[in-house]
Amino acid sequence: MSRVPRLLLICLVCSSITALVPGATDRWLEGHWKGEIQIPGSPLEIDLDFRWADSGWTGDISIPQQGAKDLALAGIEVADEQVTFQIPNIPGEPNFKGRLAEEG
């Protein structure tokens, strides 16, 4: 077997394995994100951090205007370009749904 077919076979096997690992194809979420939540009166700035681990997604949120820093997120789910998560132990149990914009 020549080098080119071997390399092609290795690439195909690796991409097949990646497709079977949960979250491996949805790693676009990983990293630091900034945004705003539209609430009556004025927008509320938020900072989010998401990390992928073998056990799944972890993350935290900071809301500077409310003095909240690095609150742990729960129930982080990523599917295609959509993400959902909650902030546990907060009155009203806030839930979030988002979608990655076409421009990223």
N, C-alpha and C. Protein backbone atom coordinates (compact mmCIF):
# COMPACT_ATOMS: atom_id res chain seq x y z
N MET A 1 0.87 -1.18 0.00
CA MET A 1 0.00 0.00 0.00
C MET A 1 0.91 1.24 0.00
N SER A 2 0.65 2.16 -0.92
CA SER A 2 1.48 3.37 -1.00
C SER A 2 1.13 4.32 0.14
N ARG A 3 1.93 5.36 0.29
CA ARG A 3 1.72 6.33 1.38
C ARG A 3 0.41 7.09 1.25
N VAL A 4 0.02 7.49 0.04
CA VAL A 4 -1.19 8.29 -0.15
C VAL A 4 -2.44 7.52 0.29
N PRO A 5 -2.67 6.27 -0.19
CA PRO A 5 -3.84 5.55 0.28
C PRO A 5 -3.83 5.31 1.79
N ARG A 6 -2.64 5.06 2.39
CA ARG A 6 -2.56 4.87 3.84
C ARG A 6 -2.99 6.13 4.58
N LEU A 7 -2.48 7.27 4.12
CA LEU A 7 -2.83 8.55 4.74
C LEU A 7 -4.33 8.81 4.61
N LEU A 8 -4.88 8.52 3.43
CA LEU A 8 -6.32 8.71 3.21
C LEU A 8 -7.12 7.80 4.14
N LEU A 9 -6.69 6.56 4.30
CA LEU A 9 -7.37 5.63 5.19
C LEU A 9 -7.31 6.11 6.64
N ILE A 10 -6.16 6.59 7.07
CA ILE A 10 -6.02 7.11 8.43
C ILE A 10 -6.95 8.30 8.65
N CYS A 11 -7.02 9.21 7.68
CA CYS A 11 -7.90 10.38 7.79
C CYS A 11 -9.36 9.97 7.88
N LEU A 12 -9.76 9.00 7.07
CA LEU A 12 -11.15 8.53 7.11
C LEU A 12 -11.49 7.90 8.45
N VAL A 13 -10.60 7.09 9.00
CA VAL A 13 -10.84 6.46 10.29
C VAL A 13 -10.93 7.52 11.38
N CYS A 14 -10.02 8.50 11.37
CA CYS A 14 -10.04 9.55 12.39
C CYS A 14 -11.31 10.37 12.32
N SER A 15 -11.77 10.71 11.10
CA SER A 15 -13.00 11.50 11.03
C SER A 15 -14.21 10.68 11.42
N SER A 16 -14.19 9.38 11.20
CA SER A 16 -15.30 8.54 11.64
C SER A 16 -15.35 8.46 13.15
N ILE A 17 -14.19 8.36 13.80
CA ILE A 17 -14.15 8.31 15.26
C ILE A 17 -14.63 9.63 15.84
N THR A 18 -14.20 10.75 15.28
CA THR A 18 -14.62 12.07 15.75
C THR A 18 -16.13 12.22 15.66
N ALA A 19 -16.73 11.70 14.62
CA ALA A 19 -18.18 11.81 14.46
C ALA A 19 -18.93 11.01 15.53
N LEU A 20 -18.29 9.98 16.11
CA LEU A 20 -18.96 9.17 17.12
C LEU A 20 -18.82 9.72 18.53
N VAL A 21 -17.90 10.64 18.76
CA VAL A 21 -17.67 11.21 20.08
C VAL A 21 -18.67 12.33 20.33
N PRO A 22 -19.53 12.23 21.37
CA PRO A 22 -20.50 13.28 21.64
C PRO A 22 -19.82 14.62 21.83
N GLY A 23 -20.34 15.65 21.16
CA GLY A 23 -19.82 16.99 21.32
C GLY A 23 -18.63 17.31 20.44
N ALA A 24 -18.01 16.30 19.85
CA ALA A 24 -16.79 16.55 19.09
C ALA A 24 -17.05 17.42 17.86
N THR A 25 -18.20 17.28 17.24
CA THR A 25 -18.49 18.09 16.06
C THR A 25 -19.13 19.42 16.42
N ASP A 26 -19.49 19.61 17.67
CA ASP A 26 -20.15 20.85 18.10
C ASP A 26 -19.23 21.67 19.01
N ARG A 27 -17.95 21.62 18.75
CA ARG A 27 -16.98 22.31 19.62
C ARG A 27 -16.92 23.81 19.33
N TRP A 28 -17.72 24.32 18.41
CA TRP A 28 -17.73 25.75 18.10
C TRP A 28 -18.06 26.58 19.33
N LEU A 29 -18.74 26.00 20.31
CA LEU A 29 -19.16 26.74 21.50
C LEU A 29 -17.99 27.03 22.43
N GLU A 30 -16.96 26.22 22.39
CA GLU A 30 -15.85 26.33 23.32
C GLU A 30 -15.18 27.72 23.25
N GLY A 31 -14.98 28.31 24.43
CA GLY A 31 -14.30 29.59 24.48
C GLY A 31 -15.08 30.64 25.26
N HIS A 32 -14.67 31.90 25.07
CA HIS A 32 -15.26 33.04 25.78
C HIS A 32 -16.22 33.78 24.86
N TRP A 33 -17.40 34.09 25.37
CA TRP A 33 -18.44 34.78 24.60
C TRP A 33 -18.93 35.98 25.40
N LYS A 34 -19.23 37.06 24.71
CA LYS A 34 -19.83 38.25 25.34
C LYS A 34 -21.12 38.56 24.62
N GLY A 35 -22.09 39.08 25.37
CA GLY A 35 -23.35 39.44 24.75
C GLY A 35 -24.21 40.25 25.68
N GLU A 36 -25.46 40.38 25.29
CA GLU A 36 -26.43 41.14 26.07
C GLU A 36 -27.74 40.38 26.14
N ILE A 37 -28.42 40.53 27.25
CA ILE A 37 -29.78 40.03 27.40
C ILE A 37 -30.67 41.25 27.39
N GLN A 38 -31.67 41.24 26.53
CA GLN A 38 -32.59 42.37 26.44
C GLN A 38 -33.63 42.25 27.55
N ILE A 39 -33.57 43.20 28.48
CA ILE A 39 -34.55 43.25 29.57
C ILE A 39 -35.18 44.64 29.56
N PRO A 40 -36.35 44.79 30.15
CA PRO A 40 -36.97 46.12 30.19
C PRO A 40 -36.04 47.13 30.86
N GLY A 41 -35.89 48.27 30.26
CA GLY A 41 -35.05 49.33 30.82
C GLY A 41 -33.73 49.49 30.09
N SER A 42 -32.91 48.45 30.09
CA SER A 42 -31.63 48.52 29.39
C SER A 42 -31.07 47.11 29.21
N PRO A 43 -30.19 46.93 28.24
CA PRO A 43 -29.60 45.60 28.05
C PRO A 43 -28.70 45.23 29.23
N LEU A 44 -28.63 43.94 29.50
CA LEU A 44 -27.83 43.41 30.59
C LEU A 44 -26.64 42.68 29.97
N GLU A 45 -25.42 43.17 30.22
CA GLU A 45 -24.22 42.55 29.64
C GLU A 45 -23.91 41.24 30.34
N ILE A 46 -23.50 40.25 29.56
CA ILE A 46 -23.11 38.95 30.11
C ILE A 46 -21.80 38.50 29.48
N ASP A 47 -21.03 37.73 30.24
CA ASP A 47 -19.82 37.06 29.77
C ASP A 47 -19.99 35.58 30.05
N LEU A 48 -19.74 34.76 29.04
CA LEU A 48 -19.89 33.32 29.19
C LEU A 48 -18.59 32.62 28.81
N ASP A 49 -18.28 31.56 29.52
CA ASP A 49 -17.14 30.71 29.19
C ASP A 49 -17.63 29.27 29.12
N PHE A 50 -17.28 28.59 28.01
CA PHE A 50 -17.66 27.19 27.83
C PHE A 50 -16.42 26.36 27.58
N ARG A 51 -16.39 25.16 28.21
CA ARG A 51 -15.28 24.23 28.05
C ARG A 51 -15.83 22.84 27.78
N TRP A 52 -15.14 22.09 26.92
CA TRP A 52 -15.50 20.70 26.65
C TRP A 52 -14.57 19.81 27.46
N ALA A 53 -15.13 18.85 28.16
CA ALA A 53 -14.36 17.85 28.91
C ALA A 53 -14.90 16.47 28.55
N ASP A 54 -14.19 15.44 28.93
CA ASP A 54 -14.64 14.08 28.64
C ASP A 54 -16.04 13.81 29.18
N SER A 55 -16.39 14.47 30.27
CA SER A 55 -17.70 14.26 30.88
C SER A 55 -18.79 15.14 30.27
N GLY A 56 -18.44 16.01 29.33
CA GLY A 56 -19.42 16.87 28.68
C GLY A 56 -19.07 18.34 28.83
N TRP A 57 -20.03 19.20 28.56
CA TRP A 57 -19.83 20.64 28.60
C TRP A 57 -19.88 21.18 30.03
N THR A 58 -19.01 22.12 30.31
CA THR A 58 -19.07 22.90 31.55
C THR A 58 -18.98 24.36 31.16
N GLY A 59 -19.42 25.23 32.05
CA GLY A 59 -19.33 26.64 31.74
C GLY A 59 -19.74 27.50 32.91
N ASP A 60 -19.51 28.80 32.73
CA ASP A 60 -19.93 29.76 33.75
C ASP A 60 -20.35 31.06 33.09
N ILE A 61 -21.08 31.86 33.85
CA ILE A 61 -21.58 33.14 33.37
C ILE A 61 -21.24 34.22 34.40
N SER A 62 -20.89 35.40 33.90
CA SER A 62 -20.69 36.58 34.75
C SER A 62 -21.64 37.66 34.26
N ILE A 63 -22.28 38.34 35.21
CA ILE A 63 -23.19 39.44 34.89
C ILE A 63 -22.70 40.64 35.70
N PRO A 64 -21.76 41.41 35.15
CA PRO A 64 -21.11 42.49 35.91
C PRO A 64 -22.08 43.49 36.55
N GLN A 65 -23.15 43.87 35.85
CA GLN A 65 -24.08 44.86 36.38
C GLN A 65 -24.81 44.37 37.62
N GLN A 66 -24.84 43.06 37.82
CA GLN A 66 -25.50 42.50 39.00
C GLN A 66 -24.49 41.97 40.02
N GLY A 67 -23.21 42.17 39.76
CA GLY A 67 -22.18 41.69 40.68
C GLY A 67 -22.00 40.18 40.68
N ALA A 68 -22.54 39.51 39.68
CA ALA A 68 -22.43 38.05 39.59
C ALA A 68 -21.16 37.70 38.81
N LYS A 69 -20.34 36.82 39.38
CA LYS A 69 -19.09 36.44 38.73
C LYS A 69 -18.92 34.93 38.74
N ASP A 70 -18.70 34.38 37.55
CA ASP A 70 -18.39 32.96 37.36
C ASP A 70 -19.41 32.02 38.00
N LEU A 71 -20.69 32.30 37.77
CA LEU A 71 -21.75 31.39 38.24
C LEU A 71 -21.75 30.14 37.36
N ALA A 72 -21.74 28.97 37.95
CA ALA A 72 -21.72 27.72 37.20
C ALA A 72 -23.01 27.55 36.39
N LEU A 73 -22.86 27.05 35.18
CA LEU A 73 -24.01 26.74 34.33
C LEU A 73 -24.33 25.25 34.44
N ALA A 74 -25.57 24.90 34.16
CA ALA A 74 -26.00 23.50 34.19
C ALA A 74 -26.78 23.19 32.92
N GLY A 75 -26.90 21.91 32.62
CA GLY A 75 -27.72 21.48 31.50
C GLY A 75 -27.27 22.02 30.17
N ILE A 76 -25.97 22.18 29.97
CA ILE A 76 -25.48 22.73 28.70
C ILE A 76 -25.63 21.66 27.62
N GLU A 77 -26.39 22.01 26.59
CA GLU A 77 -26.60 21.09 25.47
C GLU A 77 -26.33 21.83 24.17
N VAL A 78 -25.60 21.18 23.30
CA VAL A 78 -25.24 21.76 22.00
C VAL A 78 -25.70 20.80 20.92
N ALA A 79 -26.43 21.31 19.95
CA ALA A 79 -26.87 20.52 18.80
C ALA A 79 -26.84 21.43 17.58
N ASP A 80 -26.06 21.03 16.60
CA ASP A 80 -25.87 21.84 15.40
C ASP A 80 -25.39 23.23 15.81
N GLU A 81 -26.14 24.25 15.47
CA GLU A 81 -25.74 25.63 15.82
C GLU A 81 -26.56 26.17 16.99
N GLN A 82 -27.15 25.28 17.80
CA GLN A 82 -27.98 25.73 18.91
C GLN A 82 -27.38 25.31 20.25
N VAL A 83 -27.62 26.15 21.26
CA VAL A 83 -27.15 25.84 22.61
C VAL A 83 -28.26 26.19 23.60
N THR A 84 -28.40 25.37 24.64
CA THR A 84 -29.31 25.67 25.75
C THR A 84 -28.54 25.44 27.05
N PHE A 85 -28.88 26.22 28.08
CA PHE A 85 -28.27 26.04 29.38
C PHE A 85 -29.10 26.76 30.43
N GLN A 86 -28.83 26.46 31.70
CA GLN A 86 -29.53 27.08 32.82
C GLN A 86 -28.51 27.62 33.82
N ILE A 87 -28.99 28.56 34.66
CA ILE A 87 -28.21 29.00 35.82
C ILE A 87 -28.94 28.44 37.03
N PRO A 88 -28.39 27.40 37.66
CA PRO A 88 -29.07 26.79 38.79
C PRO A 88 -28.98 27.65 40.06
N ASN A 89 -29.89 27.43 40.96
CA ASN A 89 -29.91 28.08 42.28
C ASN A 89 -30.07 29.59 42.21
N ILE A 90 -30.72 30.08 41.18
CA ILE A 90 -31.02 31.50 41.02
C ILE A 90 -32.55 31.63 40.99
N PRO A 91 -33.13 32.59 41.70
CA PRO A 91 -34.58 32.74 41.66
C PRO A 91 -35.09 32.86 40.22
N GLY A 92 -36.14 32.14 39.94
CA GLY A 92 -36.71 32.13 38.60
C GLY A 92 -36.09 31.10 37.69
N GLU A 93 -35.04 30.42 38.14
CA GLU A 93 -34.34 29.39 37.37
C GLU A 93 -34.19 29.78 35.90
N PRO A 94 -33.38 30.80 35.60
CA PRO A 94 -33.25 31.27 34.22
C PRO A 94 -32.72 30.20 33.26
N ASN A 95 -33.40 30.08 32.13
CA ASN A 95 -33.02 29.18 31.05
C ASN A 95 -32.67 30.01 29.83
N PHE A 96 -31.69 29.57 29.09
CA PHE A 96 -31.25 30.29 27.90
C PHE A 96 -31.25 29.38 26.69
N LYS A 97 -31.62 29.95 25.57
CA LYS A 97 -31.55 29.26 24.28
C LYS A 97 -30.86 30.21 23.32
N GLY A 98 -29.93 29.70 22.56
CA GLY A 98 -29.24 30.54 21.61
C GLY A 98 -28.94 29.79 20.33
N ARG A 99 -28.63 30.55 19.30
CA ARG A 99 -28.28 29.98 18.01
C ARG A 99 -27.09 30.75 17.48
N LEU A 100 -26.12 30.03 16.93
CA LEU A 100 -24.97 30.65 16.32
C LEU A 100 -25.42 31.36 15.04
N ALA A 101 -25.14 32.65 14.96
CA ALA A 101 -25.52 33.43 13.78
C ALA A 101 -24.70 32.96 12.58
N GLU A 102 -25.25 33.15 11.39
CA GLU A 102 -24.55 32.73 10.18
C GLU A 102 -23.16 33.34 10.07
N GLU A 103 -23.00 34.58 10.54
CA GLU A 103 -21.69 35.22 10.47
C GLU A 103 -20.77 34.80 11.61
N GLY A 104 -21.24 33.89 12.46
CA GLY A 104 -20.41 33.35 13.54
C GLY A 104 -20.51 34.17 14.78
